[in-house]
Amino acid sequence: MLSVTGSLSASDIHRIDDQRSHIKKGVLNPVIIAIKEKRGGHPVEKPCQINLHVDIIIFPVNAYIVY
């Protein structure tokens, strides 16, 4: 899942805001907080959308649910 977002490394998994991330119709919508980037004094939020994949083994939404 981290490689799909393109903006996270394995050590940055804590940057995903689990309270604001949601799954709707099989689409994962994580909100990634860019701690070091600020806009108006607040951390920048980077919304992301990860869609379904036909191969269940590499389906990142399942990985997120299990995590």
PDB file of N, CA and C in Angstrom:
ATOM      1  N   MET A   1       0.826  -1.185   0.000  1.00  0.00           N
ATOM      2  CA  MET A   1       0.000   0.000   0.000  1.00  0.00           C
ATOM      3  C   MET A   1       0.868   1.245   0.000  1.00  0.00           C
ATOM      4  N   LEU A   2       1.970   1.196   0.698  1.00  0.00           N
ATOM      5  CA  LEU A   2       2.828   2.372   0.774  1.00  0.00           C
ATOM      6  C   LEU A   2       3.380   2.754  -0.583  1.00  0.00           C
ATOM      7  N   SER A   3       3.727   1.768  -1.397  1.00  0.00           N
ATOM      8  CA  SER A   3       4.255   2.084  -2.722  1.00  0.00           C
ATOM      9  C   SER A   3       3.169   2.636  -3.635  1.00  0.00           C
ATOM     10  N   VAL A   4       1.925   2.282  -3.378  1.00  0.00           N
ATOM     11  CA  VAL A   4       0.818   2.796  -4.189  1.00  0.00           C
ATOM     12  C   VAL A   4       0.649   4.291  -3.969  1.00  0.00           C
ATOM     13  N   THR A   5       0.787   4.738  -2.735  1.00  0.00           N
ATOM     14  CA  THR A   5       0.606   6.167  -2.458  1.00  0.00           C
ATOM     15  C   THR A   5       1.736   6.998  -3.033  1.00  0.00           C
ATOM     16  N   GLY A   6       2.928   6.406  -3.131  1.00  0.00           N
ATOM     17  CA  GLY A   6       4.057   7.115  -3.715  1.00  0.00           C
ATOM     18  C   GLY A   6       4.650   8.189  -2.824  1.00  0.00           C
ATOM     19  N   SER A   7       4.025   8.460  -1.705  1.00  0.00           N
ATOM     20  CA  SER A   7       4.532   9.530  -0.847  1.00  0.00           C
ATOM     21  C   SER A   7       4.938   9.035   0.536  1.00  0.00           C
ATOM     22  N   LEU A   8       4.854   7.739   0.761  1.00  0.00           N
ATOM     23  CA  LEU A   8       5.172   7.205   2.076  1.00  0.00           C
ATOM     24  C   LEU A   8       6.250   6.141   1.996  1.00  0.00           C
ATOM     25  N   SER A   9       7.076   6.122   3.002  1.00  0.00           N
ATOM     26  CA  SER A   9       8.004   5.006   3.166  1.00  0.00           C
ATOM     27  C   SER A   9       7.472   4.162   4.323  1.00  0.00           C
ATOM     28  N   ALA A  10       8.050   3.010   4.538  1.00  0.00           N
ATOM     29  CA  ALA A  10       7.567   2.126   5.599  1.00  0.00           C
ATOM     30  C   ALA A  10       7.616   2.796   6.972  1.00  0.00           C
ATOM     31  N   SER A  11       8.578   3.670   7.185  1.00  0.00           N
ATOM     32  CA  SER A  11       8.687   4.338   8.486  1.00  0.00           C
ATOM     33  C   SER A  11       7.666   5.464   8.653  1.00  0.00           C
ATOM     34  N   ASP A  12       6.946   5.812   7.598  1.00  0.00           N
ATOM     35  CA  ASP A  12       5.981   6.912   7.654  1.00  0.00           C
ATOM     36  C   ASP A  12       4.534   6.449   7.765  1.00  0.00           C
ATOM     37  N   ILE A  13       4.298   5.172   8.063  1.00  0.00           N
ATOM     38  CA  ILE A  13       2.933   4.667   8.140  1.00  0.00           C
ATOM     39  C   ILE A  13       2.123   5.408   9.206  1.00  0.00           C
ATOM     40  N   HIS A  14       2.798   5.942  10.218  1.00  0.00           N
ATOM     41  CA  HIS A  14       2.112   6.684  11.280  1.00  0.00           C
ATOM     42  C   HIS A  14       1.522   8.001  10.778  1.00  0.00           C
ATOM     43  N   ARG A  15       1.870   8.425   9.578  1.00  0.00           N
ATOM     44  CA  ARG A  15       1.344   9.677   9.023  1.00  0.00           C
ATOM     45  C   ARG A  15      -0.076   9.532   8.490  1.00  0.00           C
ATOM     46  N   ILE A  16      -0.598   8.310   8.400  1.00  0.00           N
ATOM     47  CA  ILE A  16      -1.973   8.104   7.944  1.00  0.00           C
ATOM     48  C   ILE A  16      -2.906   8.365   9.124  1.00  0.00           C
ATOM     49  N   ASP A  17      -3.847   9.278   8.940  1.00  0.00           N
ATOM     50  CA  ASP A  17      -4.816   9.603   9.989  1.00  0.00           C
ATOM     51  C   ASP A  17      -5.953   8.583   9.922  1.00  0.00           C
ATOM     52  N   ASP A  18      -5.905   7.574  10.800  1.00  0.00           N
ATOM     53  CA  ASP A  18      -6.896   6.497  10.779  1.00  0.00           C
ATOM     54  C   ASP A  18      -8.302   6.982  11.108  1.00  0.00           C
ATOM     55  N   GLN A  19      -8.432   8.007  11.913  1.00  0.00           N
ATOM     56  CA  GLN A  19      -9.751   8.502  12.287  1.00  0.00           C
ATOM     57  C   GLN A  19     -10.461   9.168  11.114  1.00  0.00           C
ATOM     58  N   ARG A  20      -9.714   9.740  10.191  1.00  0.00           N
ATOM     59  CA  ARG A  20     -10.322  10.436   9.058  1.00  0.00           C
ATOM     60  C   ARG A  20     -10.286   9.630   7.774  1.00  0.00           C
ATOM     61  N   SER A  21      -9.538   8.532   7.766  1.00  0.00           N
ATOM     62  CA  SER A  21      -9.486   7.659   6.596  1.00  0.00           C
ATOM     63  C   SER A  21     -10.732   6.779   6.594  1.00  0.00           C
ATOM     64  N   HIS A  22     -11.228   6.475   5.405  1.00  0.00           N
ATOM     65  CA  HIS A  22     -12.429   5.645   5.332  1.00  0.00           C
ATOM     66  C   HIS A  22     -12.427   4.792   4.062  1.00  0.00           C
ATOM     67  N   ILE A  23     -13.257   3.756   4.097  1.00  0.00           N
ATOM     68  CA  ILE A  23     -13.442   2.878   2.949  1.00  0.00           C
ATOM     69  C   ILE A  23     -14.894   2.995   2.526  1.00  0.00           C
ATOM     70  N   LYS A  24     -15.104   3.326   1.262  1.00  0.00           N
ATOM     71  CA  LYS A  24     -16.452   3.486   0.740  1.00  0.00           C
ATOM     72  C   LYS A  24     -16.527   2.781  -0.608  1.00  0.00           C
ATOM     73  N   LYS A  25     -17.427   1.821  -0.725  1.00  0.00           N
ATOM     74  CA  LYS A  25     -17.619   1.041  -1.955  1.00  0.00           C
ATOM     75  C   LYS A  25     -16.322   0.381  -2.412  1.00  0.00           C
ATOM     76  N   GLY A  26     -15.534  -0.124  -1.466  1.00  0.00           N
ATOM     77  CA  GLY A  26     -14.298  -0.819  -1.797  1.00  0.00           C
ATOM     78  C   GLY A  26     -13.131   0.081  -2.144  1.00  0.00           C
ATOM     79  N   VAL A  27     -13.301   1.388  -2.000  1.00  0.00           N
ATOM     80  CA  VAL A  27     -12.232   2.342  -2.301  1.00  0.00           C
ATOM     81  C   VAL A  27     -11.704   2.909  -0.986  1.00  0.00           C
ATOM     82  N   LEU A  28     -10.400   2.789  -0.787  1.00  0.00           N
ATOM     83  CA  LEU A  28      -9.756   3.307   0.415  1.00  0.00           C
ATOM     84  C   LEU A  28      -9.392   4.770   0.201  1.00  0.00           C
ATOM     85  N   ASN A  29      -9.787   5.607   1.135  1.00  0.00           N
ATOM     86  CA  ASN A  29      -9.492   7.041   1.086  1.00  0.00           C
ATOM     87  C   ASN A  29      -8.713   7.448   2.330  1.00  0.00           C
ATOM     88  N   PRO A  30      -7.391   7.192   2.336  1.00  0.00           N
ATOM     89  CA  PRO A  30      -6.600   7.589   3.502  1.00  0.00           C
ATOM     90  C   PRO A  30      -6.255   9.077   3.449  1.00  0.00           C
ATOM     91  N   VAL A  31      -6.141   9.688   4.609  1.00  0.00           N
ATOM     92  CA  VAL A  31      -5.690  11.074   4.716  1.00  0.00           C
ATOM     93  C   VAL A  31      -4.285  11.025   5.298  1.00  0.00           C
ATOM     94  N   ILE A  32      -3.322  11.527   4.534  1.00  0.00           N
ATOM     95  CA  ILE A  32      -1.921  11.503   4.936  1.00  0.00           C
ATOM     96  C   ILE A  32      -1.545  12.891   5.442  1.00  0.00           C
ATOM     97  N   ILE A  33      -0.982  12.957   6.629  1.00  0.00           N
ATOM     98  CA  ILE A  33      -0.593  14.225   7.233  1.00  0.00           C
ATOM     99  C   ILE A  33       0.894  14.459   6.963  1.00  0.00           C
ATOM    100  N   ALA A  34       1.203  15.556   6.283  1.00  0.00           N
ATOM    101  CA  ALA A  34       2.594  15.939   6.013  1.00  0.00           C
ATOM    102  C   ALA A  34       3.047  16.825   7.165  1.00  0.00           C
ATOM    103  N   ILE A  35       3.670  16.227   8.151  1.00  0.00           N
ATOM    104  CA  ILE A  35       4.007  16.910   9.400  1.00  0.00           C
ATOM    105  C   ILE A  35       4.940  18.097   9.186  1.00  0.00           C
ATOM    106  N   LYS A  36       5.941  17.943   8.350  1.00  0.00           N
ATOM    107  CA  LYS A  36       6.936  19.007   8.170  1.00  0.00           C
ATOM    108  C   LYS A  36       6.442  20.131   7.272  1.00  0.00           C
ATOM    109  N   GLU A  37       5.438  19.860   6.440  1.00  0.00           N
ATOM    110  CA  GLU A  37       4.898  20.903   5.564  1.00  0.00           C
ATOM    111  C   GLU A  37       3.776  21.621   6.304  1.00  0.00           C
ATOM    112  N   LYS A  38       3.797  22.933   6.254  1.00  0.00           N
ATOM    113  CA  LYS A  38       2.772  23.727   6.935  1.00  0.00           C
ATOM    114  C   LYS A  38       2.119  24.682   5.941  1.00  0.00           C
ATOM    115  N   ARG A  39       0.831  24.889   6.123  1.00  0.00           N
ATOM    116  CA  ARG A  39       0.089  25.867   5.336  1.00  0.00           C
ATOM    117  C   ARG A  39      -0.832  26.590   6.308  1.00  0.00           C
ATOM    118  N   GLY A  40      -0.605  27.856   6.483  1.00  0.00           N
ATOM    119  CA  GLY A  40      -1.397  28.626   7.436  1.00  0.00           C
ATOM    120  C   GLY A  40      -1.155  28.189   8.873  1.00  0.00           C
ATOM    121  N   GLY A  41       0.042  27.679   9.159  1.00  0.00           N
ATOM    122  CA  GLY A  41       0.371  27.245  10.507  1.00  0.00           C
ATOM    123  C   GLY A  41      -0.092  25.842  10.861  1.00  0.00           C
ATOM    124  N   HIS A  42      -0.788  25.181   9.943  1.00  0.00           N
ATOM    125  CA  HIS A  42      -1.299  23.834  10.187  1.00  0.00           C
ATOM    126  C   HIS A  42      -0.623  22.835   9.253  1.00  0.00           C
ATOM    127  N   PRO A  43      -0.454  21.587   9.699  1.00  0.00           N
ATOM    128  CA  PRO A  43       0.146  20.572   8.827  1.00  0.00           C
ATOM    129  C   PRO A  43      -0.694  20.359   7.567  1.00  0.00           C
ATOM    130  N   VAL A  44      -0.025  20.102   6.464  1.00  0.00           N
ATOM    131  CA  VAL A  44      -0.698  19.872   5.185  1.00  0.00           C
ATOM    132  C   VAL A  44      -1.291  18.467   5.185  1.00  0.00           C
ATOM    133  N   GLU A  45      -2.538  18.355   4.718  1.00  0.00           N
ATOM    134  CA  GLU A  45      -3.200  17.061   4.594  1.00  0.00           C
ATOM    135  C   GLU A  45      -3.233  16.675   3.124  1.00  0.00           C
ATOM    136  N   LYS A  46      -2.834  15.444   2.846  1.00  0.00           N
ATOM    137  CA  LYS A  46      -2.798  14.960   1.472  1.00  0.00           C
ATOM    138  C   LYS A  46      -3.788  13.815   1.316  1.00  0.00           C
ATOM    139  N   PRO A  47      -4.990  14.113   0.800  1.00  0.00           N
ATOM    140  CA  PRO A  47      -5.945  13.024   0.587  1.00  0.00           C
ATOM    141  C   PRO A  47      -5.462  12.123  -0.549  1.00  0.00           C
ATOM    142  N   CYS A  48      -5.821  10.880  -0.479  1.00  0.00           N
ATOM    143  CA  CYS A  48      -5.377   9.896  -1.453  1.00  0.00           C
ATOM    144  C   CYS A  48      -6.543   8.951  -1.711  1.00  0.00           C
ATOM    145  N   GLN A  49      -6.573   8.325  -2.874  1.00  0.00           N
ATOM    146  CA  GLN A  49      -7.625   7.359  -3.185  1.00  0.00           C
ATOM    147  C   GLN A  49      -6.989   6.118  -3.785  1.00  0.00           C
ATOM    148  N   ILE A  50      -7.277   4.960  -3.192  1.00  0.00           N
ATOM    149  CA  ILE A  50      -6.748   3.695  -3.675  1.00  0.00           C
ATOM    150  C   ILE A  50      -7.929   2.828  -4.078  1.00  0.00           C
ATOM    151  N   ASN A  51      -8.003   2.505  -5.370  1.00  0.00           N
ATOM    152  CA  ASN A  51      -9.137   1.764  -5.917  1.00  0.00           C
ATOM    153  C   ASN A  51      -8.938   0.261  -5.856  1.00  0.00           C
ATOM    154  N   LEU A  52      -9.995  -0.446  -6.205  1.00  0.00           N
ATOM    155  CA  LEU A  52      -9.995  -1.905  -6.241  1.00  0.00           C
ATOM    156  C   LEU A  52      -8.935  -2.448  -7.179  1.00  0.00           C
ATOM    157  N   HIS A  53      -8.492  -3.660  -6.895  1.00  0.00           N
ATOM    158  CA  HIS A  53      -7.601  -4.383  -7.798  1.00  0.00           C
ATOM    159  C   HIS A  53      -8.190  -5.770  -7.968  1.00  0.00           C
ATOM    160  N   VAL A  54      -8.145  -6.298  -9.186  1.00  0.00           N
ATOM    161  CA  VAL A  54      -8.764  -7.597  -9.452  1.00  0.00           C
ATOM    162  C   VAL A  54      -8.061  -8.743  -8.734  1.00  0.00           C
ATOM    163  N   ASP A  55      -6.781  -8.622  -8.453  1.00  0.00           N
ATOM    164  CA  ASP A  55      -6.034  -9.663  -7.755  1.00  0.00           C
ATOM    165  C   ASP A  55      -6.117  -9.413  -6.250  1.00  0.00           C
ATOM    166  N   ILE A  56      -6.843 -10.262  -5.551  1.00  0.00           N
ATOM    167  CA  ILE A  56      -7.082 -10.069  -4.118  1.00  0.00           C
ATOM    168  C   ILE A  56      -5.793 -10.098  -3.299  1.00  0.00           C
ATOM    169  N   ILE A  57      -4.763 -10.777  -3.797  1.00  0.00           N
ATOM    170  CA  ILE A  57      -3.501 -10.876  -3.056  1.00  0.00           C
ATOM    171  C   ILE A  57      -2.805  -9.521  -2.950  1.00  0.00           C
ATOM    172  N   ILE A  58      -2.895  -8.700  -3.984  1.00  0.00           N
ATOM    173  CA  ILE A  58      -2.231  -7.392  -3.942  1.00  0.00           C
ATOM    174  C   ILE A  58      -3.220  -6.243  -3.754  1.00  0.00           C
ATOM    175  N   PHE A  59      -4.386  -6.573  -3.243  1.00  0.00           N
ATOM    176  CA  PHE A  59      -5.426  -5.569  -3.024  1.00  0.00           C
ATOM    177  C   PHE A  59      -5.093  -4.767  -1.765  1.00  0.00           C
ATOM    178  N   PRO A  60      -4.658  -3.514  -1.883  1.00  0.00           N
ATOM    179  CA  PRO A  60      -4.193  -2.745  -0.731  1.00  0.00           C
ATOM    180  C   PRO A  60      -5.270  -2.427   0.300  1.00  0.00           C
ATOM    181  N   VAL A  61      -6.536  -2.419  -0.089  1.00  0.00           N
ATOM    182  CA  VAL A  61      -7.587  -2.112   0.876  1.00  0.00           C
ATOM    183  C   VAL A  61      -7.658  -3.220   1.929  1.00  0.00           C
ATOM    184  N   ASN A  62      -7.517  -4.479   1.499  1.00  0.00           N
ATOM    185  CA  ASN A  62      -7.500  -5.588   2.459  1.00  0.00           C
ATOM    186  C   ASN A  62      -6.322  -5.458   3.413  1.00  0.00           C
ATOM    187  N   ALA A  63      -5.176  -5.062   2.909  1.00  0.00           N
ATOM    188  CA  ALA A  63      -3.995  -4.879   3.761  1.00  0.00           C
ATOM    189  C   ALA A  63      -4.259  -3.797   4.804  1.00  0.00           C
ATOM    190  N   TYR A  64      -4.928  -2.730   4.415  1.00  0.00           N
ATOM    191  CA  TYR A  64      -5.243  -1.648   5.351  1.00  0.00           C
ATOM    192  C   TYR A  64      -6.212  -2.129   6.431  1.00  0.00           C
ATOM    193  N   ILE A  65      -7.219  -2.903   6.032  1.00  0.00           N
ATOM    194  CA  ILE A  65      -8.201  -3.416   6.993  1.00  0.00           C
ATOM    195  C   ILE A  65      -7.522  -4.326   8.014  1.00  0.00           C
ATOM    196  N   VAL A  66      -6.650  -5.205   7.537  1.00  0.00           N
ATOM    197  CA  VAL A  66      -5.952  -6.132   8.427  1.00  0.00           C
ATOM    198  C   VAL A  66      -5.017  -5.382   9.363  1.00  0.00           C
ATOM    199  N   TYR A  67      -4.369  -4.336   8.852  1.00  0.00           N
ATOM    200  CA  TYR A  67      -3.430  -3.567   9.666  1.00  0.00           C
ATOM    201  C   TYR A  67      -4.163  -2.897  10.807  1.00  0.00           C
TER     202      TYR A  67
END
